[in-house]
PDB file of all heavy atoms in Angstrom:
ATOM      1  N   SER A   1     -18.479   0.449  12.638  1.00  0.00           N
ATOM      2  CA  SER A   1     -19.601  -0.375  13.142  1.00  0.00           C
ATOM      3  C   SER A   1     -20.416   0.457  14.099  1.00  0.00           C
ATOM      4  O   SER A   1     -21.650   0.303  14.164  1.00  0.00           O
ATOM      5  CB  SER A   1     -19.029  -1.608  13.821  1.00  0.00           C
ATOM      6  OG  SER A   1     -18.272  -2.455  13.015  1.00  0.00           O
ATOM      7  N   ILE A   2     -19.810   1.333  14.989  1.00  0.00           N
ATOM      8  CA  ILE A   2     -20.519   2.136  15.874  1.00  0.00           C
ATOM      9  C   ILE A   2     -21.354   3.109  15.032  1.00  0.00           C
ATOM     10  O   ILE A   2     -22.639   3.329  15.388  1.00  0.00           O
ATOM     11  CB  ILE A   2     -19.503   2.980  16.774  1.00  0.00           C
ATOM     12  CG1 ILE A   2     -18.847   1.989  17.811  1.00  0.00           C
ATOM     13  CG2 ILE A   2     -20.249   4.078  17.445  1.00  0.00           C
ATOM     14  CD1 ILE A   2     -17.666   2.711  18.492  1.00  0.00           C
ATOM     15  N   HIS A   3     -20.761   3.676  13.973  1.00  0.00           N
ATOM     16  CA  HIS A   3     -21.553   4.544  13.131  1.00  0.00           C
ATOM     17  C   HIS A   3     -22.817   3.930  12.573  1.00  0.00           C
ATOM     18  O   HIS A   3     -23.928   4.465  12.633  1.00  0.00           O
ATOM     19  CB  HIS A   3     -20.736   5.048  11.939  1.00  0.00           C
ATOM     20  CG  HIS A   3     -21.492   5.863  10.933  1.00  0.00           C
ATOM     21  ND1 HIS A   3     -21.996   7.143  11.227  1.00  0.00           N
ATOM     22  CD2 HIS A   3     -21.880   5.588   9.654  1.00  0.00           C
ATOM     23  CE1 HIS A   3     -22.600   7.592  10.157  1.00  0.00           C
ATOM     24  NE2 HIS A   3     -22.550   6.670   9.211  1.00  0.00           N
ATOM     25  N   ASP A   4     -22.722   2.665  12.070  1.00  0.00           N
ATOM     26  CA  ASP A   4     -23.784   1.894  11.515  1.00  0.00           C
ATOM     27  C   ASP A   4     -24.931   1.625  12.560  1.00  0.00           C
ATOM     28  O   ASP A   4     -26.072   1.776  12.343  1.00  0.00           O
ATOM     29  CB  ASP A   4     -23.370   0.573  10.910  1.00  0.00           C
ATOM     30  CG  ASP A   4     -22.452   0.893   9.617  1.00  0.00           C
ATOM     31  OD1 ASP A   4     -22.498   1.848   8.996  1.00  0.00           O
ATOM     32  OD2 ASP A   4     -21.675  -0.082   9.282  1.00  0.00           O
ATOM     33  N   LEU A   5     -24.446   1.292  13.662  1.00  0.00           N
ATOM     34  CA  LEU A   5     -25.430   1.000  14.800  1.00  0.00           C
ATOM     35  C   LEU A   5     -26.206   2.383  15.225  1.00  0.00           C
ATOM     36  O   LEU A   5     -27.346   2.330  15.349  1.00  0.00           O
ATOM     37  CB  LEU A   5     -24.632   0.447  15.980  1.00  0.00           C
ATOM     38  CG  LEU A   5     -25.478   0.118  17.175  1.00  0.00           C
ATOM     39  CD1 LEU A   5     -26.179  -1.219  16.913  1.00  0.00           C
ATOM     40  CD2 LEU A   5     -24.669  -0.056  18.540  1.00  0.00           C
ATOM     41  N   CYS A   6     -25.470   3.439  15.352  1.00  0.00           N
ATOM     42  CA  CYS A   6     -26.056   4.710  15.752  1.00  0.00           C
ATOM     43  C   CYS A   6     -27.054   5.181  14.618  1.00  0.00           C
ATOM     44  O   CYS A   6     -28.159   5.567  14.948  1.00  0.00           O
ATOM     45  CB  CYS A   6     -25.014   5.685  15.923  1.00  0.00           C
ATOM     46  SG  CYS A   6     -23.945   5.540  17.380  1.00  0.00           S
ATOM     47  N   LYS A   7     -26.563   5.029  13.401  1.00  0.00           N
ATOM     48  CA  LYS A   7     -27.409   5.505  12.267  1.00  0.00           C
ATOM     49  C   LYS A   7     -28.768   4.750  12.234  1.00  0.00           C
ATOM     50  O   LYS A   7     -29.785   5.396  12.090  1.00  0.00           O
ATOM     51  CB  LYS A   7     -26.629   5.415  10.984  1.00  0.00           C
ATOM     52  CG  LYS A   7     -27.234   6.176   9.799  1.00  0.00           C
ATOM     53  CD  LYS A   7     -26.368   6.201   8.669  1.00  0.00           C
ATOM     54  CE  LYS A   7     -26.984   7.050   7.511  1.00  0.00           C
ATOM     55  NZ  LYS A   7     -26.907   8.496   7.869  1.00  0.00           N
ATOM     56  N   GLY A   8     -28.647   3.399  12.372  1.00  0.00           N
ATOM     57  CA  GLY A   8     -29.778   2.520  12.340  1.00  0.00           C
ATOM     58  C   GLY A   8     -30.778   2.771  13.425  1.00  0.00           C
ATOM     59  O   GLY A   8     -32.037   3.013  13.253  1.00  0.00           O
ATOM     60  N   LYS A   9     -30.217   2.978  14.700  1.00  0.00           N
ATOM     61  CA  LYS A   9     -31.104   3.143  15.851  1.00  0.00           C
ATOM     62  C   LYS A   9     -31.820   4.600  15.732  1.00  0.00           C
ATOM     63  O   LYS A   9     -32.978   4.715  16.021  1.00  0.00           O
ATOM     64  CB  LYS A   9     -30.353   3.001  17.187  1.00  0.00           C
ATOM     65  CG  LYS A   9     -31.205   3.150  18.300  1.00  0.00           C
ATOM     66  CD  LYS A   9     -32.316   2.166  18.483  1.00  0.00           C
ATOM     67  CE  LYS A   9     -33.254   2.345  19.646  1.00  0.00           C
ATOM     68  NZ  LYS A   9     -34.442   1.433  19.710  1.00  0.00           N
ATOM     69  N   LEU A  10     -30.944   5.506  15.426  1.00  0.00           N
ATOM     70  CA  LEU A  10     -31.632   6.862  15.351  1.00  0.00           C
ATOM     71  C   LEU A  10     -32.581   6.978  14.189  1.00  0.00           C
ATOM     72  O   LEU A  10     -33.618   7.677  14.406  1.00  0.00           O
ATOM     73  CB  LEU A  10     -30.403   7.878  15.183  1.00  0.00           C
ATOM     74  CG  LEU A  10     -29.509   8.153  16.417  1.00  0.00           C
ATOM     75  CD1 LEU A  10     -28.306   8.862  16.037  1.00  0.00           C
ATOM     76  CD2 LEU A  10     -30.220   8.705  17.555  1.00  0.00           C
ATOM     77  N   ARG A  11     -32.321   6.319  13.124  1.00  0.00           N
ATOM     78  CA  ARG A  11     -33.280   6.378  11.977  1.00  0.00           C
ATOM     79  C   ARG A  11     -34.693   5.795  12.414  1.00  0.00           C
ATOM     80  O   ARG A  11     -35.734   6.242  12.087  1.00  0.00           O
ATOM     81  CB  ARG A  11     -32.762   5.590  10.859  1.00  0.00           C
ATOM     82  CG  ARG A  11     -33.587   5.733   9.565  1.00  0.00           C
ATOM     83  CD  ARG A  11     -32.783   5.356   8.373  1.00  0.00           C
ATOM     84  NE  ARG A  11     -32.020   6.472   7.925  1.00  0.00           N
ATOM     85  CZ  ARG A  11     -31.179   6.366   6.919  1.00  0.00           C
ATOM     86  NH1 ARG A  11     -31.002   5.284   6.203  1.00  0.00           N
ATOM     87  NH2 ARG A  11     -30.355   7.355   6.612  1.00  0.00           N
ATOM     88  N   SER A  12     -34.704   4.766  13.294  1.00  0.00           N
ATOM     89  CA  SER A  12     -35.819   4.172  13.861  1.00  0.00           C
ATOM     90  C   SER A  12     -36.667   5.084  14.739  1.00  0.00           C
ATOM     91  O   SER A  12     -37.848   4.903  14.922  1.00  0.00           O
ATOM     92  CB  SER A  12     -35.610   2.858  14.578  1.00  0.00           C
ATOM     93  OG  SER A  12     -34.979   3.129  15.947  1.00  0.00           O
ATOM     94  N   LEU A  13     -35.977   6.126  15.169  1.00  0.00           N
ATOM     95  CA  LEU A  13     -36.672   7.240  15.963  1.00  0.00           C
ATOM     96  C   LEU A  13     -36.929   8.396  15.106  1.00  0.00           C
ATOM     97  O   LEU A  13     -37.452   9.449  15.616  1.00  0.00           O
ATOM     98  CB  LEU A  13     -35.703   7.618  17.161  1.00  0.00           C
ATOM     99  CG  LEU A  13     -35.357   6.585  18.199  1.00  0.00           C
ATOM    100  CD1 LEU A  13     -34.285   7.060  19.171  1.00  0.00           C
ATOM    101  CD2 LEU A  13     -36.669   6.177  18.923  1.00  0.00           C
ATOM    102  N   GLY A  14     -36.686   8.343  13.825  1.00  0.00           N
ATOM    103  CA  GLY A  14     -37.096   9.469  12.898  1.00  0.00           C
ATOM    104  C   GLY A  14     -35.856  10.529  12.912  1.00  0.00           C
ATOM    105  O   GLY A  14     -36.090  11.603  12.434  1.00  0.00           O
ATOM    106  N   LEU A  15     -34.606  10.101  13.354  1.00  0.00           N
ATOM    107  CA  LEU A  15     -33.514  11.074  13.493  1.00  0.00           C
ATOM    108  C   LEU A  15     -32.476  10.640  12.543  1.00  0.00           C
ATOM    109  O   LEU A  15     -32.388   9.473  12.095  1.00  0.00           O
ATOM    110  CB  LEU A  15     -33.063  11.108  14.992  1.00  0.00           C
ATOM    111  CG  LEU A  15     -34.081  11.500  15.966  1.00  0.00           C
ATOM    112  CD1 LEU A  15     -33.489  11.320  17.396  1.00  0.00           C
ATOM    113  CD2 LEU A  15     -34.436  12.877  15.832  1.00  0.00           C
ATOM    114  N   GLU A  16     -31.525  11.606  12.192  1.00  0.00           N
ATOM    115  CA  GLU A  16     -30.507  11.303  11.233  1.00  0.00           C
ATOM    116  C   GLU A  16     -29.146  11.863  11.739  1.00  0.00           C
ATOM    117  O   GLU A  16     -29.077  12.816  12.551  1.00  0.00           O
ATOM    118  CB  GLU A  16     -30.777  11.937   9.906  1.00  0.00           C
ATOM    119  CG  GLU A  16     -32.028  11.446   9.190  1.00  0.00           C
ATOM    120  CD  GLU A  16     -31.796  10.117   8.624  1.00  0.00           C
ATOM    121  OE1 GLU A  16     -30.563   9.714   8.468  1.00  0.00           O
ATOM    122  OE2 GLU A  16     -32.776   9.380   8.332  1.00  0.00           O
ATOM    123  N   ILE A  17     -28.163  11.159  11.390  1.00  0.00           N
ATOM    124  CA  ILE A  17     -26.750  11.688  11.477  1.00  0.00           C
ATOM    125  C   ILE A  17     -26.092  11.676  10.077  1.00  0.00           C
ATOM    126  O   ILE A  17     -26.561  10.935   9.270  1.00  0.00           O
ATOM    127  CB  ILE A  17     -25.885  10.937  12.533  1.00  0.00           C
ATOM    128  CG1 ILE A  17     -25.911   9.388  12.195  1.00  0.00           C
ATOM    129  CG2 ILE A  17     -26.251  11.158  13.934  1.00  0.00           C
ATOM    130  CD1 ILE A  17     -24.999   8.596  13.184  1.00  0.00           C
ATOM    131  N   HIS A  18     -25.111  12.554   9.869  1.00  0.00           N
ATOM    132  CA  HIS A  18     -24.523  12.581   8.580  1.00  0.00           C
ATOM    133  C   HIS A  18     -23.641  11.364   8.297  1.00  0.00           C
ATOM    134  O   HIS A  18     -23.124  10.692   9.277  1.00  0.00           O
ATOM    135  CB  HIS A  18     -23.595  13.877   8.522  1.00  0.00           C
ATOM    136  CG  HIS A  18     -24.371  15.134   8.680  1.00  0.00           C
ATOM    137  ND1 HIS A  18     -25.032  15.721   7.471  1.00  0.00           N
ATOM    138  CD2 HIS A  18     -24.616  16.072   9.584  1.00  0.00           C
ATOM    139  CE1 HIS A  18     -25.648  16.782   7.881  1.00  0.00           C
ATOM    140  NE2 HIS A  18     -25.432  17.059   9.110  1.00  0.00           N
ATOM    141  N   ASP A  19     -23.417  11.033   6.985  1.00  0.00           N
ATOM    142  CA  ASP A  19     -22.509  10.012   6.660  1.00  0.00           C
ATOM    143  C   ASP A  19     -21.098  10.458   6.999  1.00  0.00           C
ATOM    144  O   ASP A  19     -20.837  11.661   6.964  1.00  0.00           O
ATOM    145  CB  ASP A  19     -22.719   9.654   5.188  1.00  0.00           C
ATOM    146  CG  ASP A  19     -24.019   8.970   4.890  1.00  0.00           C
ATOM    147  OD1 ASP A  19     -24.473   8.274   5.829  1.00  0.00           O
ATOM    148  OD2 ASP A  19     -24.552   9.233   3.756  1.00  0.00           O
ATOM    149  N   ILE A  20     -20.251   9.488   7.114  1.00  0.00           N
ATOM    150  CA  ILE A  20     -18.863   9.726   7.339  1.00  0.00           C
ATOM    151  C   ILE A  20     -18.233  10.276   6.001  1.00  0.00           C
ATOM    152  O   ILE A  20     -18.523   9.656   4.940  1.00  0.00           O
ATOM    153  CB  ILE A  20     -18.029   8.513   7.867  1.00  0.00           C
ATOM    154  CG1 ILE A  20     -18.640   7.962   9.168  1.00  0.00           C
ATOM    155  CG2 ILE A  20     -16.603   8.790   7.982  1.00  0.00           C
ATOM    156  CD1 ILE A  20     -18.187   6.655   9.504  1.00  0.00           C
ATOM    157  N   GLY A  21     -17.401  11.301   6.036  1.00  0.00           N
ATOM    158  CA  GLY A  21     -16.794  11.763   4.832  1.00  0.00           C
ATOM    159  C   GLY A  21     -16.107  13.139   5.005  1.00  0.00           C
ATOM    160  O   GLY A  21     -16.320  13.738   6.026  1.00  0.00           O
ATOM    161  N   PRO A  22     -15.296  13.524   4.026  1.00  0.00           N
ATOM    162  CA  PRO A  22     -14.622  14.848   4.077  1.00  0.00           C
ATOM    163  C   PRO A  22     -15.645  15.936   4.316  1.00  0.00           C
ATOM    164  O   PRO A  22     -16.584  16.139   3.504  1.00  0.00           O
ATOM    165  CB  PRO A  22     -13.896  14.952   2.810  1.00  0.00           C
ATOM    166  CG  PRO A  22     -13.919  13.583   2.214  1.00  0.00           C
ATOM    167  CD  PRO A  22     -15.088  12.821   2.707  1.00  0.00           C
ATOM    168  N   GLY A  23     -15.324  16.816   5.268  1.00  0.00           N
ATOM    169  CA  GLY A  23     -16.227  17.952   5.562  1.00  0.00           C
ATOM    170  C   GLY A  23     -17.443  17.591   6.275  1.00  0.00           C
ATOM    171  O   GLY A  23     -18.246  18.527   6.549  1.00  0.00           O
ATOM    172  N   SER A  24     -17.707  16.334   6.573  1.00  0.00           N
ATOM    173  CA  SER A  24     -18.855  16.027   7.372  1.00  0.00           C
ATOM    174  C   SER A  24     -18.756  16.221   8.803  1.00  0.00           C
ATOM    175  O   SER A  24     -17.632  16.254   9.347  1.00  0.00           O
ATOM    176  CB  SER A  24     -19.127  14.455   7.126  1.00  0.00           C
ATOM    177  OG  SER A  24     -20.241  14.076   7.862  1.00  0.00           O
ATOM    178  N   LYS A  25     -19.918  16.405   9.528  1.00  0.00           N
ATOM    179  CA  LYS A  25     -19.902  16.521  10.951  1.00  0.00           C
ATOM    180  C   LYS A  25     -19.594  15.264  11.651  1.00  0.00           C
ATOM    181  O   LYS A  25     -19.452  15.178  12.913  1.00  0.00           O
ATOM    182  CB  LYS A  25     -21.309  17.152  11.371  1.00  0.00           C
ATOM    183  CG  LYS A  25     -21.405  18.555  11.121  1.00  0.00           C
ATOM    184  CD  LYS A  25     -22.723  19.124  11.657  1.00  0.00           C
ATOM    185  CE  LYS A  25     -22.873  20.595  11.459  1.00  0.00           C
ATOM    186  NZ  LYS A  25     -24.086  21.219  12.063  1.00  0.00           N
ATOM    187  N   THR A  26     -19.755  14.184  10.854  1.00  0.00           N
ATOM    188  CA  THR A  26     -19.444  12.771  11.389  1.00  0.00           C
ATOM    189  C   THR A  26     -18.061  12.423  10.961  1.00  0.00           C
ATOM    190  O   THR A  26     -17.651  12.378   9.843  1.00  0.00           O
ATOM    191  CB  THR A  26     -20.494  11.761  10.845  1.00  0.00           C
ATOM    192  OG1 THR A  26     -21.797  12.130  11.111  1.00  0.00           O
ATOM    193  CG2 THR A  26     -20.166  10.362  11.479  1.00  0.00           C
ATOM    194  N   GLU A  27     -17.181  12.157  12.030  1.00  0.00           N
ATOM    195  CA  GLU A  27     -15.773  11.946  11.697  1.00  0.00           C
ATOM    196  C   GLU A  27     -15.320  10.768  12.527  1.00  0.00           C
ATOM    197  O   GLU A  27     -15.761  10.389  13.544  1.00  0.00           O
ATOM    198  CB  GLU A  27     -14.960  13.193  12.326  1.00  0.00           C
ATOM    199  CG  GLU A  27     -15.320  14.539  11.647  1.00  0.00           C
ATOM    200  CD  GLU A  27     -14.499  15.625  12.178  1.00  0.00           C
ATOM    201  OE1 GLU A  27     -14.487  15.703  13.535  1.00  0.00           O
ATOM    202  OE2 GLU A  27     -13.864  16.432  11.559  1.00  0.00           O
ATOM    203  N   ILE A  28     -14.202  10.187  11.904  1.00  0.00           N
ATOM    204  CA  ILE A  28     -13.462   9.170  12.576  1.00  0.00           C
ATOM    205  C   ILE A  28     -11.958   9.646  12.652  1.00  0.00           C
ATOM    206  O   ILE A  28     -11.451  10.129  11.635  1.00  0.00           O
ATOM    207  CB  ILE A  28     -13.394   7.770  11.854  1.00  0.00           C
ATOM    208  CG1 ILE A  28     -14.828   7.213  11.882  1.00  0.00           C
ATOM    209  CG2 ILE A  28     -12.435   6.870  12.461  1.00  0.00           C
ATOM    210  CD1 ILE A  28     -15.002   5.870  11.087  1.00  0.00           C
ATOM    211  N   LYS A  29     -11.421   9.712  13.836  1.00  0.00           N
ATOM    212  CA  LYS A  29     -10.051  10.197  14.082  1.00  0.00           C
ATOM    213  C   LYS A  29      -9.126   9.136  14.576  1.00  0.00           C
ATOM    214  O   LYS A  29      -9.505   8.349  15.460  1.00  0.00           O
ATOM    215  CB  LYS A  29     -10.080  11.345  15.065  1.00  0.00           C
ATOM    216  CG  LYS A  29     -10.806  12.617  14.609  1.00  0.00           C
ATOM    217  CD  LYS A  29     -10.134  13.432  13.540  1.00  0.00           C
ATOM    218  CE  LYS A  29     -10.737  14.704  13.324  1.00  0.00           C
ATOM    219  NZ  LYS A  29     -10.069  15.525  12.160  1.00  0.00           N
ATOM    220  N   GLU A  30      -7.890   9.089  14.019  1.00  0.00           N
ATOM    221  CA  GLU A  30      -6.958   8.179  14.478  1.00  0.00           C
ATOM    222  C   GLU A  30      -6.338   8.607  15.784  1.00  0.00           C
ATOM    223  O   GLU A  30      -6.555   9.711  16.290  1.00  0.00           O
ATOM    224  CB  GLU A  30      -5.789   8.107  13.428  1.00  0.00           C
ATOM    225  CG  GLU A  30      -6.297   7.572  12.055  1.00  0.00           C
ATOM    226  CD  GLU A  30      -5.178   7.382  11.065  1.00  0.00           C
ATOM    227  OE1 GLU A  30      -3.929   7.144  11.558  1.00  0.00           O
ATOM    228  OE2 GLU A  30      -5.403   7.578   9.848  1.00  0.00           O
ATOM    229  N   PRO A  31      -5.698   7.578  16.498  1.00  0.00           N
ATOM    230  CA  PRO A  31      -5.257   7.992  17.851  1.00  0.00           C
ATOM    231  C   PRO A  31      -4.402   9.184  17.944  1.00  0.00           C
ATOM    232  O   PRO A  31      -4.426   9.866  18.978  1.00  0.00           O
ATOM    233  CB  PRO A  31      -4.520   6.646  18.316  1.00  0.00           C
ATOM    234  CG  PRO A  31      -5.114   5.653  17.480  1.00  0.00           C
ATOM    235  CD  PRO A  31      -5.589   6.228  16.183  1.00  0.00           C
ATOM    236  N   HIS A  32      -3.612   9.522  16.966  1.00  0.00           N
ATOM    237  CA  HIS A  32      -2.616  10.542  16.996  1.00  0.00           C
ATOM    238  C   HIS A  32      -3.319  11.925  16.644  1.00  0.00           C
ATOM    239  O   HIS A  32      -2.700  12.991  16.763  1.00  0.00           O
ATOM    240  CB  HIS A  32      -1.488  10.375  16.064  1.00  0.00           C
ATOM    241  CG  HIS A  32      -1.835  10.405  14.605  1.00  0.00           C
ATOM    242  ND1 HIS A  32      -2.253   9.311  13.981  1.00  0.00           N
ATOM    243  CD2 HIS A  32      -1.781  11.337  13.654  1.00  0.00           C
ATOM    244  CE1 HIS A  32      -2.485   9.543  12.688  1.00  0.00           C
ATOM    245  NE2 HIS A  32      -2.219  10.953  12.497  1.00  0.00           N
ATOM    246  N   GLU A  33      -4.621  11.855  16.173  1.00  0.00           N
ATOM    247  CA  GLU A  33      -5.206  13.166  15.650  1.00  0.00           C
ATOM    248  C   GLU A  33      -6.110  13.655  16.832  1.00  0.00           C
ATOM    249  O   GLU A  33      -6.655  12.956  17.670  1.00  0.00           O
ATOM    250  CB  GLU A  33      -6.217  12.776  14.528  1.00  0.00           C
ATOM    251  CG  GLU A  33      -5.533  12.418  13.285  1.00  0.00           C
ATOM    252  CD  GLU A  33      -6.383  12.058  12.156  1.00  0.00           C
ATOM    253  OE1 GLU A  33      -7.129  11.082  12.247  1.00  0.00           O
ATOM    254  OE2 GLU A  33      -6.362  12.831  11.076  1.00  0.00           O
ATOM    255  N   MET A  34      -6.210  14.987  16.847  1.00  0.00           N
ATOM    256  CA  MET A  34      -7.021  15.674  17.780  1.00  0.00           C
ATOM    257  C   MET A  34      -8.503  15.545  17.374  1.00  0.00           C
ATOM    258  O   MET A  34      -8.791  15.681  16.076  1.00  0.00           O
ATOM    259  CB  MET A  34      -6.616  17.183  17.884  1.00  0.00           C
ATOM    260  CG  MET A  34      -7.521  17.950  18.887  1.00  0.00           C
ATOM    261  SD  MET A  34      -7.300  19.746  18.785  1.00  0.00           S
ATOM    262  CE  MET A  34      -8.252  20.108  17.336  1.00  0.00           C
ATOM    263  N   VAL A  35      -9.403  15.436  18.234  1.00  0.00           N
ATOM    264  CA  VAL A  35     -10.846  15.450  17.888  1.00  0.00           C
ATOM    265  C   VAL A  35     -11.443  16.396  18.808  1.00  0.00           C
ATOM    266  O   VAL A  35     -11.111  16.689  19.940  1.00  0.00           O
ATOM    267  CB  VAL A  35     -11.475  13.981  18.067  1.00  0.00           C
ATOM    268  CG1 VAL A  35     -11.391  13.596  19.572  1.00  0.00           C
ATOM    269  CG2 VAL A  35     -12.898  13.999  17.665  1.00  0.00           C
ATOM    270  N   GLU A  36     -12.370  17.234  18.234  1.00  0.00           N
ATOM    271  CA  GLU A  36     -13.103  18.172  18.990  1.00  0.00           C
ATOM    272  C   GLU A  36     -14.444  17.606  19.505  1.00  0.00           C
ATOM    273  O   GLU A  36     -15.093  16.936  18.743  1.00  0.00           O
ATOM    274  CB  GLU A  36     -13.433  19.486  18.104  1.00  0.00           C
ATOM    275  CG  GLU A  36     -12.205  20.337  17.906  1.00  0.00           C
ATOM    276  CD  GLU A  36     -12.553  21.723  17.271  1.00  0.00           C
ATOM    277  OE1 GLU A  36     -13.543  22.279  17.600  1.00  0.00           O
ATOM    278  OE2 GLU A  36     -11.732  22.057  16.431  1.00  0.00           O
ATOM    279  N   PHE A  37     -14.713  18.045  20.748  1.00  0.00           N
ATOM    280  CA  PHE A  37     -16.002  17.668  21.305  1.00  0.00           C
ATOM    281  C   PHE A  37     -16.551  18.722  22.241  1.00  0.00           C
ATOM    282  O   PHE A  37     -15.706  19.206  23.048  1.00  0.00           O
ATOM    283  CB  PHE A  37     -15.876  16.308  22.136  1.00  0.00           C
ATOM    284  CG  PHE A  37     -17.164  15.810  22.794  1.00  0.00           C
ATOM    285  CD1 PHE A  37     -18.290  15.616  21.972  1.00  0.00           C
ATOM    286  CD2 PHE A  37     -17.270  15.572  24.126  1.00  0.00           C
ATOM    287  CE1 PHE A  37     -19.449  15.130  22.593  1.00  0.00           C
ATOM    288  CE2 PHE A  37     -18.428  15.109  24.656  1.00  0.00           C
ATOM    289  CZ  PHE A  37     -19.557  14.866  23.935  1.00  0.00           C
TER     290      PHE A  37
END
């Protein structure tokens, strides 16, 4: 839901984020998984 909200708002500004998927820069990580920031 956060992804959908971000994607919609950014698109209204002429900006894009990648879709969620394998190898994508857009990721969802489970609590036990490391996430890089």
